[in-house]
Amino acid sequence: MNTIERIKTRRSIRKFTDVPVAKDTMNEIVSAASYAPSWKNSQTVRYVVIESAELLQKIANDATLGFEHNKGIISGCKTLVAAVTTSGKCGYNPDGTFTTSKGDKWEAFDAGIAVQTFCLAASELGVGTVILGIFDEALLGQLLGLPEGQYVAALIATGYPDVEPKAPARKDVSELIEYK
């Protein structure tokens, strides 16, 4: 499958089989994701792979801010990936000042690019993913033992799809593009 077909056919998977993703497969996904572009090639995104059933339940029960949908997804996956980034690297000059008016927002750009690349690589290997953004960032940092200056940018529920969702409607290109 070519890249455009992969982009158009990848779906968010919210229900997974009981088959865990092998470490070799996860390593291959992260290896591909490491090629995602980043601010001045800073490559600040790291991946914490959570396989412990106990930790998965703790995250589902305590760190989803009461959002039952995410609680259910996390409870139903064998592998949850925390995309972690380091503050103070993206968007900064060597003297600590911001390079652009976007300030530290480049961290979020880089994390988003890396997470999308991760999801596309996973899809290529038959692994389903869904990106989750509703979570208690401070509690997750504690549960994962993240050092100061690192934070969870996104959670990615990961596993082999137990469903084949249909593509949601997309806006027409004429609504999305403007030429000047």
C-alpha atoms as a PDB file:
ATOM      1  CA  MET A   1       0.000   0.000   0.000  1.00  0.00           C
ATOM      2  CA  ASN A   2       1.367   3.436  -0.808  1.00  0.00           C
ATOM      3  CA  THR A   3       1.545   6.290   1.684  1.00  0.00           C
ATOM      4  CA  ILE A   4      -1.580   8.129   0.521  1.00  0.00           C
ATOM      5  CA  GLU A   5      -3.623   4.918   0.625  1.00  0.00           C
ATOM      6  CA  ARG A   6      -2.312   4.227   4.158  1.00  0.00           C
ATOM      7  CA  ILE A   7      -3.279   7.736   5.293  1.00  0.00           C
ATOM      8  CA  LYS A   8      -6.758   7.347   3.802  1.00  0.00           C
ATOM      9  CA  THR A   9      -7.411   3.851   5.183  1.00  0.00           C
ATOM     10  CA  ARG A  10      -5.931   4.062   8.702  1.00  0.00           C
ATOM     11  CA  ARG A  11      -8.711   4.195  11.294  1.00  0.00           C
ATOM     12  CA  SER A  12      -8.815   4.862  15.014  1.00  0.00           C
ATOM     13  CA  ILE A  13      -9.279   1.491  16.688  1.00  0.00           C
ATOM     14  CA  ARG A  14     -11.006   1.451  20.065  1.00  0.00           C
ATOM     15  CA  LYS A  15     -11.515  -2.285  20.528  1.00  0.00           C
ATOM     16  CA  PHE A  16      -8.650  -4.761  20.460  1.00  0.00           C
ATOM     17  CA  THR A  17      -8.105  -8.520  20.524  1.00  0.00           C
ATOM     18  CA  ASP A  18      -6.384 -10.159  23.496  1.00  0.00           C
ATOM     19  CA  VAL A  19      -3.183 -10.697  21.485  1.00  0.00           C
ATOM     20  CA  PRO A  20      -0.405  -8.444  22.836  1.00  0.00           C
ATOM     21  CA  VAL A  21       1.830  -6.505  20.464  1.00  0.00           C
ATOM     22  CA  ALA A  22       5.247  -8.179  20.390  1.00  0.00           C
ATOM     23  CA  LYS A  23       8.219  -6.128  21.567  1.00  0.00           C
ATOM     24  CA  ASP A  24       9.920  -6.556  18.163  1.00  0.00           C
ATOM     25  CA  THR A  25       6.850  -5.092  16.459  1.00  0.00           C
ATOM     26  CA  MET A  26       6.680  -2.191  18.935  1.00  0.00           C
ATOM     27  CA  ASN A  27      10.394  -1.539  18.409  1.00  0.00           C
ATOM     28  CA  GLU A  28       9.823  -1.429  14.636  1.00  0.00           C
ATOM     29  CA  ILE A  29       6.966   1.055  15.073  1.00  0.00           C
ATOM     30  CA  VAL A  30       9.057   3.324  17.306  1.00  0.00           C
ATOM     31  CA  SER A  31      12.007   3.025  14.918  1.00  0.00           C
ATOM     32  CA  ALA A  32       9.796   4.310  12.089  1.00  0.00           C
ATOM     33  CA  ALA A  33       8.340   7.046  14.320  1.00  0.00           C
ATOM     34  CA  SER A  34      11.869   8.229  15.112  1.00  0.00           C
ATOM     35  CA  TYR A  35      12.019   9.547  11.547  1.00  0.00           C
ATOM     36  CA  ALA A  36       9.248  12.064  12.211  1.00  0.00           C
ATOM     37  CA  PRO A  37      10.470  15.607  11.648  1.00  0.00           C
ATOM     38  CA  SER A  38      11.145  17.680  14.750  1.00  0.00           C
ATOM     39  CA  TRP A  39      12.307  21.165  15.701  1.00  0.00           C
ATOM     40  CA  LYS A  40      15.970  21.437  14.666  1.00  0.00           C
ATOM     41  CA  ASN A  41      16.035  17.622  14.704  1.00  0.00           C
ATOM     42  CA  SER A  42      15.671  17.707  18.495  1.00  0.00           C
ATOM     43  CA  GLN A  43      13.815  14.348  18.555  1.00  0.00           C
ATOM     44  CA  THR A  44      12.405  14.979  22.037  1.00  0.00           C
ATOM     45  CA  VAL A  45       9.508  12.495  21.913  1.00  0.00           C
ATOM     46  CA  ARG A  46       9.980   9.246  23.857  1.00  0.00           C
ATOM     47  CA  TYR A  47       7.618   6.289  24.104  1.00  0.00           C
ATOM     48  CA  VAL A  48       6.717   4.620  27.393  1.00  0.00           C
ATOM     49  CA  VAL A  49       5.102   1.262  26.631  1.00  0.00           C
ATOM     50  CA  ILE A  50       2.714   0.177  29.376  1.00  0.00           C
ATOM     51  CA  GLU A  51       1.949  -3.550  29.411  1.00  0.00           C
ATOM     52  CA  SER A  52       1.338  -4.149  33.117  1.00  0.00           C
ATOM     53  CA  ALA A  53      -2.345  -5.039  33.598  1.00  0.00           C
ATOM     54  CA  GLU A  54      -2.207  -3.456  37.062  1.00  0.00           C
ATOM     55  CA  LEU A  55      -0.812  -0.161  35.748  1.00  0.00           C
ATOM     56  CA  LEU A  56      -3.248  -0.137  32.827  1.00  0.00           C
ATOM     57  CA  GLN A  57      -6.170  -0.467  35.265  1.00  0.00           C
ATOM     58  CA  LYS A  58      -4.743   2.224  37.558  1.00  0.00           C
ATOM     59  CA  ILE A  59      -4.472   4.605  34.594  1.00  0.00           C
ATOM     60  CA  ALA A  60      -7.975   3.672  33.353  1.00  0.00           C
ATOM     61  CA  ASN A  61      -9.555   4.099  36.789  1.00  0.00           C
ATOM     62  CA  ASP A  62      -7.625   7.069  38.161  1.00  0.00           C
ATOM     63  CA  ALA A  63      -6.123   9.089  35.315  1.00  0.00           C
ATOM     64  CA  THR A  64      -8.924   9.476  32.747  1.00  0.00           C
ATOM     65  CA  LEU A  65     -10.563  12.454  34.480  1.00  0.00           C
ATOM     66  CA  GLY A  66     -13.846  10.560  34.726  1.00  0.00           C
ATOM     67  CA  PHE A  67     -14.102  10.193  30.941  1.00  0.00           C
ATOM     68  CA  GLU A  68     -15.722   6.750  30.725  1.00  0.00           C
ATOM     69  CA  HIS A  69     -15.006   6.320  27.000  1.00  0.00           C
ATOM     70  CA  ASN A  70     -11.229   6.524  27.527  1.00  0.00           C
ATOM     71  CA  LYS A  71     -11.485   4.387  30.660  1.00  0.00           C
ATOM     72  CA  GLY A  72     -13.117   1.654  28.579  1.00  0.00           C
ATOM     73  CA  ILE A  73     -10.571   1.872  25.778  1.00  0.00           C
ATOM     74  CA  ILE A  74      -7.598   1.682  28.162  1.00  0.00           C
ATOM     75  CA  SER A  75      -9.205  -1.166  30.108  1.00  0.00           C
ATOM     76  CA  GLY A  76      -9.667  -3.063  26.837  1.00  0.00           C
ATOM     77  CA  CYS A  77      -6.145  -2.797  25.448  1.00  0.00           C
ATOM     78  CA  LYS A  78      -3.091  -4.895  26.259  1.00  0.00           C
ATOM     79  CA  THR A  79      -0.663  -2.101  25.432  1.00  0.00           C
ATOM     80  CA  LEU A  80      -0.870   1.615  26.084  1.00  0.00           C
ATOM     81  CA  VAL A  81       1.849   3.925  24.837  1.00  0.00           C
ATOM     82  CA  ALA A  82       2.569   7.265  26.462  1.00  0.00           C
ATOM     83  CA  ALA A  83       4.158   9.695  24.026  1.00  0.00           C
ATOM     84  CA  VAL A  84       6.386  11.727  26.315  1.00  0.00           C
ATOM     85  CA  THR A  85       8.173  14.941  25.444  1.00  0.00           C
ATOM     86  CA  THR A  86      10.754  17.113  27.147  1.00  0.00           C
ATOM     87  CA  SER A  87       9.984  20.758  27.876  1.00  0.00           C
ATOM     88  CA  GLY A  88      12.386  23.549  26.999  1.00  0.00           C
ATOM     89  CA  LYS A  89      13.877  22.137  23.785  1.00  0.00           C
ATOM     90  CA  CYS A  90      11.515  22.792  20.876  1.00  0.00           C
ATOM     91  CA  GLY A  91      11.194  26.391  19.761  1.00  0.00           C
ATOM     92  CA  TYR A  92      14.069  27.718  21.842  1.00  0.00           C
ATOM     93  CA  ASN A  93      17.345  29.409  20.981  1.00  0.00           C
ATOM     94  CA  PRO A  94      20.490  28.211  22.760  1.00  0.00           C
ATOM     95  CA  ASP A  95      20.181  31.153  25.189  1.00  0.00           C
ATOM     96  CA  GLY A  96      16.700  29.996  26.301  1.00  0.00           C
ATOM     97  CA  THR A  97      14.689  32.629  24.419  1.00  0.00           C
ATOM     98  CA  PHE A  98      11.992  31.648  21.941  1.00  0.00           C
ATOM     99  CA  THR A  99      12.911  31.534  18.269  1.00  0.00           C
ATOM    100  CA  THR A 100       9.415  32.394  17.018  1.00  0.00           C
ATOM    101  CA  SER A 101       6.199  33.882  18.325  1.00  0.00           C
ATOM    102  CA  LYS A 102       4.849  30.338  18.715  1.00  0.00           C
ATOM    103  CA  GLY A 103       6.947  30.048  21.882  1.00  0.00           C
ATOM    104  CA  ASP A 104       6.899  26.563  23.373  1.00  0.00           C
ATOM    105  CA  LYS A 105       4.009  25.381  21.163  1.00  0.00           C
ATOM    106  CA  TRP A 106       6.553  23.640  18.937  1.00  0.00           C
ATOM    107  CA  GLU A 107       6.663  20.843  21.548  1.00  0.00           C
ATOM    108  CA  ALA A 108       3.037  20.039  20.761  1.00  0.00           C
ATOM    109  CA  PHE A 109       3.685  20.215  17.000  1.00  0.00           C
ATOM    110  CA  ASP A 110       6.578  17.781  17.300  1.00  0.00           C
ATOM    111  CA  ALA A 111       4.617  15.419  19.540  1.00  0.00           C
ATOM    112  CA  GLY A 112       1.675  15.455  17.121  1.00  0.00           C
ATOM    113  CA  ILE A 113       3.879  14.697  14.133  1.00  0.00           C
ATOM    114  CA  ALA A 114       5.616  11.877  16.021  1.00  0.00           C
ATOM    115  CA  VAL A 115       2.334  10.357  17.239  1.00  0.00           C
ATOM    116  CA  GLN A 116       0.819  10.435  13.740  1.00  0.00           C
ATOM    117  CA  THR A 117       3.955   8.803  12.331  1.00  0.00           C
ATOM    118  CA  PHE A 118       3.743   6.168  15.092  1.00  0.00           C
ATOM    119  CA  CYS A 119       0.102   5.450  14.193  1.00  0.00           C
ATOM    120  CA  LEU A 120       0.809   5.172  10.466  1.00  0.00           C
ATOM    121  CA  ALA A 121       3.750   2.817  11.096  1.00  0.00           C
ATOM    122  CA  ALA A 122       1.575   0.717  13.419  1.00  0.00           C
ATOM    123  CA  SER A 123      -1.137   0.514  10.760  1.00  0.00           C
ATOM    124  CA  GLU A 124       1.420  -0.635   8.214  1.00  0.00           C
ATOM    125  CA  LEU A 125       2.268  -3.537  10.562  1.00  0.00           C
ATOM    126  CA  GLY A 126      -1.379  -4.458  11.198  1.00  0.00           C
ATOM    127  CA  VAL A 127      -1.481  -2.852  14.642  1.00  0.00           C
ATOM    128  CA  GLY A 128      -4.442  -0.650  15.507  1.00  0.00           C
ATOM    129  CA  THR A 129      -4.180   2.596  17.456  1.00  0.00           C
ATOM    130  CA  VAL A 130      -6.271   5.391  18.839  1.00  0.00           C
ATOM    131  CA  ILE A 131      -4.851   8.651  20.174  1.00  0.00           C
ATOM    132  CA  LEU A 132      -6.263   9.680  23.557  1.00  0.00           C
ATOM    133  CA  GLY A 133      -5.970  13.208  24.882  1.00  0.00           C
ATOM    134  CA  ILE A 134      -8.212  13.283  27.955  1.00  0.00           C
ATOM    135  CA  PHE A 135      -6.067  12.324  30.931  1.00  0.00           C
ATOM    136  CA  ASP A 136      -4.616  13.654  34.166  1.00  0.00           C
ATOM    137  CA  GLU A 137      -1.176  14.744  33.004  1.00  0.00           C
ATOM    138  CA  ALA A 138       0.297  15.232  36.488  1.00  0.00           C
ATOM    139  CA  LEU A 139      -0.960  11.872  37.781  1.00  0.00           C
ATOM    140  CA  LEU A 140       0.286  10.074  34.669  1.00  0.00           C
ATOM    141  CA  GLY A 141       3.703  11.634  35.164  1.00  0.00           C
ATOM    142  CA  GLN A 142       3.755  10.279  38.715  1.00  0.00           C
ATOM    143  CA  LEU A 143       2.482   6.821  37.755  1.00  0.00           C
ATOM    144  CA  LEU A 144       5.112   6.543  35.016  1.00  0.00           C
ATOM    145  CA  GLY A 145       7.902   8.002  37.150  1.00  0.00           C
ATOM    146  CA  LEU A 146       8.679  10.759  34.650  1.00  0.00           C
ATOM    147  CA  PRO A 147      11.494  13.105  35.636  1.00  0.00           C
ATOM    148  CA  GLU A 148      10.861  16.824  36.021  1.00  0.00           C
ATOM    149  CA  GLY A 149      10.596  18.550  32.656  1.00  0.00           C
ATOM    150  CA  GLN A 150       8.994  15.581  30.884  1.00  0.00           C
ATOM    151  CA  TYR A 151       5.270  15.273  30.304  1.00  0.00           C
ATOM    152  CA  VAL A 152       2.791  12.996  28.548  1.00  0.00           C
ATOM    153  CA  ALA A 153       1.740  14.655  25.303  1.00  0.00           C
ATOM    154  CA  ALA A 154      -0.669  11.872  24.268  1.00  0.00           C
ATOM    155  CA  LEU A 155      -1.689   8.336  25.081  1.00  0.00           C
ATOM    156  CA  ILE A 156      -1.955   5.780  22.289  1.00  0.00           C
ATOM    157  CA  ALA A 157      -4.056   2.679  22.927  1.00  0.00           C
ATOM    158  CA  THR A 158      -2.433  -0.019  20.838  1.00  0.00           C
ATOM    159  CA  GLY A 159      -3.285  -3.567  19.794  1.00  0.00           C
ATOM    160  CA  TYR A 160      -4.634  -5.787  17.084  1.00  0.00           C
ATOM    161  CA  PRO A 161      -8.009  -4.546  15.836  1.00  0.00           C
ATOM    162  CA  ASP A 162     -11.127  -6.413  16.936  1.00  0.00           C
ATOM    163  CA  VAL A 163     -13.296  -4.136  14.769  1.00  0.00           C
ATOM    164  CA  GLU A 164     -13.121  -2.630  11.299  1.00  0.00           C
ATOM    165  CA  PRO A 165     -14.603   0.857  11.575  1.00  0.00           C
ATOM    166  CA  LYS A 166     -15.897   2.639   8.522  1.00  0.00           C
ATOM    167  CA  ALA A 167     -14.340   5.902   7.460  1.00  0.00           C
ATOM    168  CA  PRO A 168     -16.082   8.974   8.849  1.00  0.00           C
ATOM    169  CA  ALA A 169     -17.257  11.603   6.394  1.00  0.00           C
ATOM    170  CA  ARG A 170     -14.567  14.000   5.237  1.00  0.00           C
ATOM    171  CA  LYS A 171     -14.934  17.587   4.202  1.00  0.00           C
ATOM    172  CA  ASP A 172     -14.579  18.337   0.532  1.00  0.00           C
ATOM    173  CA  VAL A 173     -11.231  19.746  -0.523  1.00  0.00           C
ATOM    174  CA  SER A 174     -13.003  22.946  -1.589  1.00  0.00           C
ATOM    175  CA  GLU A 175     -13.833  23.574   2.111  1.00  0.00           C
ATOM    176  CA  LEU A 176     -10.253  22.983   3.198  1.00  0.00           C
ATOM    177  CA  ILE A 177      -8.179  24.894   0.682  1.00  0.00           C
ATOM    178  CA  GLU A 178      -7.811  28.497  -0.355  1.00  0.00           C
ATOM    179  CA  TYR A 179      -5.523  29.841  -3.047  1.00  0.00           C
ATOM    180  CA  LYS A 180      -4.315  33.459  -3.064  1.00  0.00           C
END
